[in-house]
């Protein structure tokens, strides 16, 4: 199998070792969303991460975990790894639409895979919402501190 026509089945490798996607992402020093994109064939595994995968799983030979890629390759815009969930949702919807047209017979395995992708996207959206809430709290705290410092300066007759 040539490198161009195959990719590493990280899902099988992780599950065989009882490892979560989050755990593997941390061990590879990548974002979980990027690892998800690699596992779903939307992104390529960087070559420099192969050696780290061999180390993490204690494997010399990754051949049993290689799989053929589909002849038609999904093109992913470069912005899909941004933190803007709107772009990811639009990409996911386009992908689901394209898959529905390609698989008019309705492959149940693909449907389950797409449902898993939607669930992962919803999880990402929840994490982003939590991050936004945290940032808003930080901004509020900084505003309060700024106001307090201005009051102190005003009491001492100093300009700011």
N, C-alpha and C. Protein backbone atom coordinates (compact mmCIF):
# COMPACT_ATOMS: atom_id res chain seq x y z
N UNK A 1 0.83 -1.17 0.00
CA UNK A 1 0.00 0.00 0.00
C UNK A 1 0.89 1.24 0.00
N UNK A 2 0.71 2.12 -0.97
CA UNK A 2 1.54 3.31 -0.99
C UNK A 2 1.02 4.31 0.03
N UNK A 3 1.91 5.19 0.43
CA UNK A 3 1.56 6.18 1.43
C UNK A 3 0.44 7.09 0.93
N UNK A 4 0.41 7.35 -0.39
CA UNK A 4 -0.61 8.23 -0.95
C UNK A 4 -1.98 7.58 -0.99
N UNK A 5 -2.04 6.28 -1.02
CA UNK A 5 -3.32 5.59 -1.15
C UNK A 5 -3.80 4.96 0.16
N UNK A 6 -3.13 5.22 1.25
CA UNK A 6 -3.55 4.63 2.51
C UNK A 6 -3.45 5.66 3.62
N UNK A 7 -4.15 5.34 4.70
CA UNK A 7 -4.03 6.19 5.88
C UNK A 7 -4.15 5.30 7.11
N UNK A 8 -3.65 5.81 8.19
CA UNK A 8 -3.63 5.08 9.45
C UNK A 8 -5.02 5.12 10.08
N UNK A 9 -5.52 3.96 10.48
CA UNK A 9 -6.83 3.86 11.13
C UNK A 9 -6.63 4.11 12.63
N UNK A 10 -6.60 5.40 12.99
CA UNK A 10 -6.36 5.77 14.38
C UNK A 10 -7.51 5.35 15.30
N UNK A 11 -8.72 5.32 14.78
CA UNK A 11 -9.86 4.91 15.60
C UNK A 11 -9.66 3.48 16.08
N UNK A 12 -9.34 2.57 15.16
CA UNK A 12 -9.13 1.17 15.52
C UNK A 12 -7.95 1.04 16.48
N UNK A 13 -6.88 1.75 16.19
CA UNK A 13 -5.69 1.71 17.03
C UNK A 13 -6.01 2.18 18.45
N UNK A 14 -6.71 3.31 18.56
CA UNK A 14 -7.09 3.84 19.87
C UNK A 14 -7.99 2.87 20.63
N UNK A 15 -9.00 2.36 19.92
CA UNK A 15 -9.97 1.49 20.58
C UNK A 15 -9.35 0.16 20.99
N UNK A 16 -8.43 -0.35 20.17
CA UNK A 16 -7.72 -1.58 20.53
C UNK A 16 -6.93 -1.39 21.82
N UNK A 17 -6.47 -0.17 22.05
CA UNK A 17 -5.68 0.13 23.24
C UNK A 17 -6.53 0.73 24.36
N UNK A 18 -7.84 0.88 24.13
CA UNK A 18 -8.73 1.42 25.16
C UNK A 18 -8.45 2.89 25.48
N UNK A 19 -8.08 3.65 24.47
CA UNK A 19 -7.71 5.04 24.67
C UNK A 19 -8.76 5.96 24.06
N UNK A 20 -9.06 7.05 24.75
CA UNK A 20 -10.02 8.01 24.22
C UNK A 20 -9.34 8.93 23.21
N UNK A 21 -10.15 9.59 22.42
CA UNK A 21 -9.63 10.54 21.44
C UNK A 21 -8.91 11.68 22.16
N UNK A 22 -9.49 12.12 23.26
CA UNK A 22 -8.89 13.21 24.03
C UNK A 22 -7.51 12.81 24.55
N UNK A 23 -7.41 11.60 25.08
CA UNK A 23 -6.12 11.13 25.60
C UNK A 23 -5.06 11.08 24.51
N UNK A 24 -5.43 10.54 23.35
CA UNK A 24 -4.47 10.45 22.25
C UNK A 24 -4.07 11.84 21.76
N UNK A 25 -5.04 12.73 21.67
CA UNK A 25 -4.74 14.10 21.23
C UNK A 25 -3.72 14.74 22.15
N UNK A 26 -3.88 14.55 23.45
CA UNK A 26 -2.93 15.11 24.42
C UNK A 26 -1.55 14.49 24.25
N UNK A 27 -1.49 13.18 24.05
CA UNK A 27 -0.20 12.51 23.88
C UNK A 27 0.51 12.93 22.59
N UNK A 28 -0.28 13.29 21.56
CA UNK A 28 0.31 13.70 20.29
C UNK A 28 0.52 15.22 20.22
N UNK A 29 0.08 15.92 21.25
CA UNK A 29 0.18 17.38 21.30
C UNK A 29 -0.55 18.04 20.13
N UNK A 30 -1.79 17.57 19.89
CA UNK A 30 -2.65 18.18 18.87
C UNK A 30 -4.02 18.43 19.50
N UNK A 31 -4.80 19.30 18.88
CA UNK A 31 -6.15 19.55 19.36
C UNK A 31 -7.01 18.32 19.06
N UNK A 32 -7.96 18.07 19.94
CA UNK A 32 -8.85 16.93 19.76
C UNK A 32 -9.63 17.08 18.45
N UNK A 33 -10.02 18.29 18.11
CA UNK A 33 -10.77 18.50 16.86
C UNK A 33 -9.92 18.14 15.64
N UNK A 34 -8.60 18.42 15.72
CA UNK A 34 -7.71 18.07 14.61
C UNK A 34 -7.57 16.55 14.51
N UNK A 35 -7.45 15.88 15.68
CA UNK A 35 -7.37 14.42 15.68
C UNK A 35 -8.65 13.82 15.10
N UNK A 36 -9.79 14.40 15.45
CA UNK A 36 -11.07 13.94 14.90
C UNK A 36 -11.08 14.09 13.38
N UNK A 37 -10.57 15.21 12.89
CA UNK A 37 -10.51 15.44 11.44
C UNK A 37 -9.61 14.40 10.77
N UNK A 38 -8.52 14.04 11.42
CA UNK A 38 -7.62 13.02 10.87
C UNK A 38 -8.34 11.67 10.85
N UNK A 39 -8.99 11.33 11.95
CA UNK A 39 -9.69 10.04 12.04
C UNK A 39 -10.81 9.93 11.02
N UNK A 40 -11.43 11.05 10.69
CA UNK A 40 -12.55 11.04 9.75
C UNK A 40 -12.12 11.28 8.31
N UNK A 41 -10.80 11.35 8.08
CA UNK A 41 -10.30 11.48 6.72
C UNK A 41 -10.37 12.88 6.15
N UNK A 42 -10.66 13.87 6.99
CA UNK A 42 -10.73 15.24 6.50
C UNK A 42 -9.38 15.93 6.54
N UNK A 43 -8.45 15.39 7.30
CA UNK A 43 -7.10 15.94 7.39
C UNK A 43 -6.10 14.80 7.37
N UNK A 44 -4.90 15.11 7.01
CA UNK A 44 -3.83 14.11 6.95
C UNK A 44 -3.04 14.13 8.26
N UNK A 45 -2.59 12.98 8.65
CA UNK A 45 -1.73 12.85 9.81
C UNK A 45 -0.35 13.36 9.43
N UNK A 46 0.17 14.35 10.16
CA UNK A 46 1.52 14.84 9.85
C UNK A 46 2.54 13.70 10.01
N UNK A 47 3.47 13.63 9.07
CA UNK A 47 4.47 12.55 9.09
C UNK A 47 5.23 12.48 10.41
N UNK A 48 5.50 13.65 11.00
CA UNK A 48 6.28 13.65 12.25
C UNK A 48 5.52 13.03 13.42
N UNK A 49 4.21 12.85 13.28
CA UNK A 49 3.42 12.24 14.36
C UNK A 49 3.44 10.72 14.30
N UNK A 50 3.84 10.15 13.15
CA UNK A 50 3.88 8.68 13.04
C UNK A 50 4.83 8.06 14.06
N UNK A 51 6.00 8.65 14.20
CA UNK A 51 6.97 8.11 15.16
C UNK A 51 6.42 8.19 16.58
N UNK A 52 5.74 9.30 16.89
CA UNK A 52 5.15 9.46 18.22
C UNK A 52 4.07 8.41 18.45
N UNK A 53 3.30 8.09 17.41
CA UNK A 53 2.26 7.06 17.53
C UNK A 53 2.90 5.71 17.80
N UNK A 54 3.99 5.42 17.10
CA UNK A 54 4.70 4.15 17.35
C UNK A 54 5.15 4.08 18.82
N UNK A 55 5.67 5.21 19.33
CA UNK A 55 6.13 5.25 20.73
C UNK A 55 4.97 5.07 21.70
N UNK A 56 3.89 5.81 21.48
CA UNK A 56 2.73 5.77 22.39
C UNK A 56 2.15 4.37 22.49
N UNK A 57 2.04 3.69 21.34
CA UNK A 57 1.41 2.38 21.33
C UNK A 57 2.41 1.23 21.38
N UNK A 58 3.71 1.55 21.38
CA UNK A 58 4.73 0.51 21.45
C UNK A 58 4.72 -0.40 20.23
N UNK A 59 4.51 0.17 19.06
CA UNK A 59 4.43 -0.61 17.82
C UNK A 59 5.55 -0.22 16.87
N UNK A 60 6.21 -1.21 16.32
CA UNK A 60 7.20 -0.96 15.28
C UNK A 60 6.52 -0.89 13.92
N UNK A 61 5.54 -1.79 13.73
CA UNK A 61 4.87 -1.92 12.43
C UNK A 61 3.43 -1.44 12.54
N UNK A 62 3.08 -0.41 11.78
CA UNK A 62 1.72 0.12 11.78
C UNK A 62 0.88 -0.45 10.64
N UNK A 63 1.46 -1.36 9.84
CA UNK A 63 0.77 -1.92 8.68
C UNK A 63 -0.61 -2.49 9.02
N UNK A 64 -0.77 -3.21 10.13
CA UNK A 64 -2.11 -3.76 10.42
C UNK A 64 -3.17 -2.67 10.62
N UNK A 65 -2.75 -1.46 10.86
CA UNK A 65 -3.69 -0.36 11.09
C UNK A 65 -3.80 0.58 9.90
N UNK A 66 -3.27 0.18 8.75
CA UNK A 66 -3.39 1.00 7.55
C UNK A 66 -4.65 0.57 6.81
N UNK A 67 -5.30 1.54 6.17
CA UNK A 67 -6.50 1.23 5.41
C UNK A 67 -6.47 1.98 4.09
N UNK A 68 -7.11 1.39 3.08
CA UNK A 68 -7.20 2.01 1.77
C UNK A 68 -8.05 3.26 1.87
N UNK A 69 -7.64 4.31 1.17
CA UNK A 69 -8.47 5.50 1.08
C UNK A 69 -9.39 5.36 -0.10
N UNK A 70 -10.50 6.03 -0.01
CA UNK A 70 -11.45 6.03 -1.12
C UNK A 70 -10.81 6.73 -2.31
N UNK A 71 -11.20 6.32 -3.50
CA UNK A 71 -10.64 6.92 -4.71
C UNK A 71 -10.95 8.40 -4.78
N UNK A 72 -12.14 8.79 -4.34
CA UNK A 72 -12.52 10.20 -4.36
C UNK A 72 -12.13 10.82 -3.03
N UNK A 73 -11.33 11.82 -3.07
CA UNK A 73 -10.83 12.44 -1.85
C UNK A 73 -11.65 13.67 -1.51
N UNK A 74 -11.98 13.84 -0.24
CA UNK A 74 -12.71 15.00 0.21
C UNK A 74 -11.77 16.18 0.29
N UNK A 75 -12.17 17.28 -0.31
CA UNK A 75 -11.37 18.50 -0.25
C UNK A 75 -11.88 19.33 0.91
N UNK A 76 -10.98 19.72 1.80
CA UNK A 76 -11.35 20.47 2.97
C UNK A 76 -10.68 21.84 2.91
N UNK A 77 -11.47 22.91 3.02
CA UNK A 77 -10.87 24.24 3.01
C UNK A 77 -9.91 24.41 4.17
N UNK A 78 -8.90 25.28 4.04
CA UNK A 78 -7.90 25.43 5.10
C UNK A 78 -8.46 25.98 6.40
N UNK A 79 -9.61 26.62 6.38
CA UNK A 79 -10.15 27.23 7.60
C UNK A 79 -10.87 26.24 8.50
N UNK A 80 -10.92 24.97 8.17
CA UNK A 80 -11.71 24.03 8.95
C UNK A 80 -11.12 23.73 10.32
N UNK A 81 -9.91 24.15 10.59
CA UNK A 81 -9.34 23.92 11.92
C UNK A 81 -9.38 25.17 12.77
N UNK A 82 -10.14 26.16 12.31
CA UNK A 82 -10.27 27.39 13.08
C UNK A 82 -11.18 27.13 14.26
N UNK A 83 -11.33 28.14 15.10
CA UNK A 83 -12.19 28.01 16.26
C UNK A 83 -13.59 28.54 15.98
N UNK A 84 -13.94 28.76 14.71
CA UNK A 84 -15.25 29.25 14.35
C UNK A 84 -16.16 28.08 14.04
N UNK A 85 -17.07 27.77 14.99
CA UNK A 85 -17.91 26.60 14.81
C UNK A 85 -18.87 26.75 13.65
N UNK A 86 -19.18 27.97 13.22
CA UNK A 86 -20.07 28.19 12.09
C UNK A 86 -19.48 27.57 10.84
N UNK A 87 -18.18 27.79 10.61
CA UNK A 87 -17.53 27.20 9.45
C UNK A 87 -17.58 25.68 9.52
N UNK A 88 -17.34 25.12 10.69
CA UNK A 88 -17.35 23.66 10.84
C UNK A 88 -18.74 23.09 10.60
N UNK A 89 -19.75 23.79 11.07
CA UNK A 89 -21.12 23.31 10.86
C UNK A 89 -21.44 23.34 9.37
N UNK A 90 -21.09 24.43 8.69
CA UNK A 90 -21.35 24.52 7.25
C UNK A 90 -20.61 23.41 6.51
N UNK A 91 -19.36 23.17 6.89
CA UNK A 91 -18.58 22.10 6.25
C UNK A 91 -19.24 20.75 6.49
N UNK A 92 -19.66 20.50 7.72
CA UNK A 92 -20.31 19.24 8.05
C UNK A 92 -21.59 19.05 7.24
N UNK A 93 -22.40 20.09 7.14
CA UNK A 93 -23.63 19.99 6.37
C UNK A 93 -23.36 19.73 4.90
N UNK A 94 -22.34 20.39 4.32
CA UNK A 94 -21.99 20.13 2.92
C UNK A 94 -21.53 18.69 2.76
N UNK A 95 -20.75 18.21 3.71
CA UNK A 95 -20.24 16.84 3.65
C UNK A 95 -21.39 15.83 3.73
N UNK A 96 -22.32 16.04 4.65
CA UNK A 96 -23.46 15.14 4.80
C UNK A 96 -24.30 15.16 3.52
N UNK A 97 -24.51 16.34 2.97
CA UNK A 97 -25.28 16.46 1.73
C UNK A 97 -24.60 15.68 0.59
N UNK A 98 -23.30 15.87 0.45
CA UNK A 98 -22.55 15.17 -0.60
C UNK A 98 -22.61 13.66 -0.39
N UNK A 99 -22.47 13.21 0.86
CA UNK A 99 -22.53 11.79 1.16
C UNK A 99 -23.90 11.21 0.81
N UNK A 100 -24.96 11.95 1.10
CA UNK A 100 -26.31 11.47 0.81
C UNK A 100 -26.49 11.25 -0.69
N UNK A 101 -25.92 12.15 -1.48
CA UNK A 101 -26.04 12.00 -2.93
C UNK A 101 -25.17 10.86 -3.46
N UNK A 102 -24.03 10.63 -2.85
CA UNK A 102 -23.14 9.55 -3.29
C UNK A 102 -23.69 8.19 -2.92
N UNK A 103 -24.34 8.10 -1.80
CA UNK A 103 -24.79 6.81 -1.28
C UNK A 103 -26.31 6.72 -1.27
N UNK A 104 -26.90 6.82 -2.41
CA UNK A 104 -28.36 6.86 -2.48
C UNK A 104 -28.99 5.63 -1.86
N UNK A 105 -28.28 4.52 -1.80
CA UNK A 105 -28.81 3.32 -1.16
C UNK A 105 -28.91 3.47 0.34
N UNK A 106 -28.22 4.41 0.93
CA UNK A 106 -28.28 4.64 2.37
C UNK A 106 -27.51 3.61 3.17
N UNK A 107 -26.24 3.81 3.33
CA UNK A 107 -25.38 2.91 4.09
C UNK A 107 -25.51 3.23 5.58
N UNK A 108 -26.00 2.28 6.38
CA UNK A 108 -26.22 2.52 7.80
C UNK A 108 -24.93 2.81 8.55
N UNK A 109 -23.83 2.22 8.12
CA UNK A 109 -22.54 2.50 8.76
C UNK A 109 -22.14 3.95 8.58
N UNK A 110 -22.37 4.48 7.39
CA UNK A 110 -22.05 5.88 7.12
C UNK A 110 -22.95 6.81 7.92
N UNK A 111 -24.22 6.43 8.06
CA UNK A 111 -25.15 7.25 8.83
C UNK A 111 -24.68 7.33 10.28
N UNK A 112 -24.28 6.19 10.83
CA UNK A 112 -23.78 6.17 12.20
C UNK A 112 -22.52 7.02 12.33
N UNK A 113 -21.66 6.95 11.31
CA UNK A 113 -20.44 7.76 11.32
C UNK A 113 -20.79 9.24 11.29
N UNK A 114 -21.74 9.61 10.46
CA UNK A 114 -22.14 11.01 10.37
C UNK A 114 -22.79 11.48 11.67
N UNK A 115 -23.59 10.61 12.28
CA UNK A 115 -24.20 10.96 13.56
C UNK A 115 -23.11 11.18 14.62
N UNK A 116 -22.07 10.36 14.57
CA UNK A 116 -20.95 10.53 15.50
C UNK A 116 -20.24 11.87 15.24
N UNK A 117 -20.09 12.22 13.97
CA UNK A 117 -19.47 13.50 13.64
C UNK A 117 -20.31 14.67 14.15
N UNK A 118 -21.63 14.57 13.97
CA UNK A 118 -22.52 15.62 14.46
C UNK A 118 -22.40 15.72 15.98
N UNK A 119 -22.39 14.57 16.66
CA UNK A 119 -22.25 14.58 18.12
C UNK A 119 -20.93 15.21 18.54
N UNK A 120 -19.85 14.90 17.81
CA UNK A 120 -18.54 15.49 18.13
C UNK A 120 -18.58 16.99 17.90
N UNK A 121 -19.25 17.42 16.85
CA UNK A 121 -19.36 18.84 16.57
C UNK A 121 -20.17 19.55 17.65
N UNK A 122 -21.21 18.89 18.12
CA UNK A 122 -22.01 19.48 19.19
C UNK A 122 -21.18 19.59 20.48
N UNK A 123 -20.36 18.57 20.75
CA UNK A 123 -19.47 18.63 21.91
C UNK A 123 -18.51 19.80 21.77
N UNK A 124 -17.95 19.97 20.57
CA UNK A 124 -17.03 21.08 20.33
C UNK A 124 -17.75 22.41 20.55
N UNK A 125 -18.97 22.50 20.07
CA UNK A 125 -19.74 23.72 20.24
C UNK A 125 -19.95 24.01 21.73
N UNK A 126 -20.26 22.98 22.52
CA UNK A 126 -20.42 23.15 23.97
C UNK A 126 -19.13 23.64 24.61
N UNK A 127 -17.99 23.05 24.20
CA UNK A 127 -16.71 23.48 24.75
C UNK A 127 -16.43 24.94 24.40
N UNK A 128 -16.73 25.31 23.17
CA UNK A 128 -16.52 26.70 22.76
C UNK A 128 -17.42 27.65 23.53
N UNK A 129 -18.65 27.24 23.77
CA UNK A 129 -19.58 28.07 24.55
C UNK A 129 -19.05 28.25 25.97
N UNK A 130 -18.55 27.18 26.55
CA UNK A 130 -17.97 27.28 27.90
C UNK A 130 -16.76 28.21 27.91
N UNK A 131 -15.94 28.12 26.88
CA UNK A 131 -14.76 28.99 26.77
C UNK A 131 -15.18 30.45 26.65
N UNK A 132 -16.23 30.71 25.87
CA UNK A 132 -16.74 32.07 25.72
C UNK A 132 -17.24 32.59 27.06
N UNK A 133 -17.96 31.75 27.81
CA UNK A 133 -18.44 32.15 29.14
C UNK A 133 -17.28 32.50 30.06
N UNK A 134 -16.24 31.67 30.02
CA UNK A 134 -15.05 31.93 30.85
C UNK A 134 -14.39 33.25 30.47
N UNK A 135 -14.27 33.49 29.18
CA UNK A 135 -13.67 34.74 28.72
C UNK A 135 -14.51 35.94 29.12
N UNK A 136 -15.82 35.81 29.05
CA UNK A 136 -16.69 36.92 29.47
C UNK A 136 -16.52 37.21 30.96
N UNK A 137 -16.42 36.16 31.75
CA UNK A 137 -16.18 36.35 33.19
C UNK A 137 -14.86 37.06 33.43
N UNK A 138 -13.84 36.68 32.70
CA UNK A 138 -12.53 37.33 32.82
C UNK A 138 -12.62 38.80 32.44
N UNK A 139 -13.32 39.09 31.36
CA UNK A 139 -13.50 40.48 30.93
C UNK A 139 -14.22 41.29 32.00
N UNK A 140 -15.29 40.71 32.57
CA UNK A 140 -16.02 41.40 33.64
C UNK A 140 -15.12 41.69 34.83
N UNK A 141 -14.31 40.72 35.21
CA UNK A 141 -13.39 40.90 36.35
C UNK A 141 -12.37 42.00 36.04
N UNK A 142 -11.87 42.02 34.82
CA UNK A 142 -10.90 43.06 34.44
C UNK A 142 -11.56 44.44 34.41
N UNK A 143 -12.78 44.51 33.97
CA UNK A 143 -13.49 45.81 33.99
C UNK A 143 -13.68 46.31 35.41
N UNK A 144 -14.07 45.38 36.31
CA UNK A 144 -14.22 45.77 37.72
C UNK A 144 -12.90 46.29 38.29
N UNK A 145 -11.81 45.60 38.00
CA UNK A 145 -10.50 46.01 38.48
C UNK A 145 -10.12 47.36 37.91
N UNK A 146 -10.38 47.57 36.63
CA UNK A 146 -10.10 48.84 35.98
C UNK A 146 -10.89 49.97 36.65
N UNK A 147 -12.16 49.73 36.92
CA UNK A 147 -13.00 50.73 37.58
C UNK A 147 -12.46 51.04 38.97
N UNK A 148 -12.08 50.00 39.72
CA UNK A 148 -11.54 50.18 41.07
C UNK A 148 -10.27 51.02 41.04
N UNK A 149 -9.39 50.75 40.08
CA UNK A 149 -8.14 51.50 39.97
C UNK A 149 -8.40 52.96 39.61
N UNK A 150 -9.38 53.22 38.74
CA UNK A 150 -9.73 54.59 38.38
C UNK A 150 -10.26 55.35 39.59
N UNK A 151 -11.05 54.65 40.43
CA UNK A 151 -11.56 55.29 41.65
C UNK A 151 -10.41 55.68 42.59
N UNK A 152 -9.45 54.81 42.73
CA UNK A 152 -8.29 55.10 43.60
C UNK A 152 -7.53 56.31 43.06
N UNK A 153 -7.29 56.33 41.76
CA UNK A 153 -6.60 57.47 41.16
C UNK A 153 -7.38 58.77 41.34
N UNK A 154 -8.68 58.72 41.19
CA UNK A 154 -9.52 59.92 41.34
C UNK A 154 -9.49 60.40 42.77
N UNK A 155 -9.51 59.49 43.76
CA UNK A 155 -9.46 59.89 45.16
C UNK A 155 -8.16 60.61 45.50
N UNK A 156 -7.10 60.27 44.82
CA UNK A 156 -5.80 60.88 45.07
C UNK A 156 -5.53 62.05 44.13
N UNK A 157 -6.55 62.43 43.37
CA UNK A 157 -6.43 63.58 42.49
C UNK A 157 -5.52 63.35 41.30
N UNK A 158 -5.32 62.13 40.91
CA UNK A 158 -4.46 61.82 39.77
C UNK A 158 -5.32 61.58 38.54
N UNK A 159 -4.78 61.99 37.38
CA UNK A 159 -5.50 61.74 36.13
C UNK A 159 -5.13 60.39 35.56
N UNK A 160 -5.99 59.87 34.80
CA UNK A 160 -5.74 58.58 34.15
C UNK A 160 -5.96 58.67 32.69
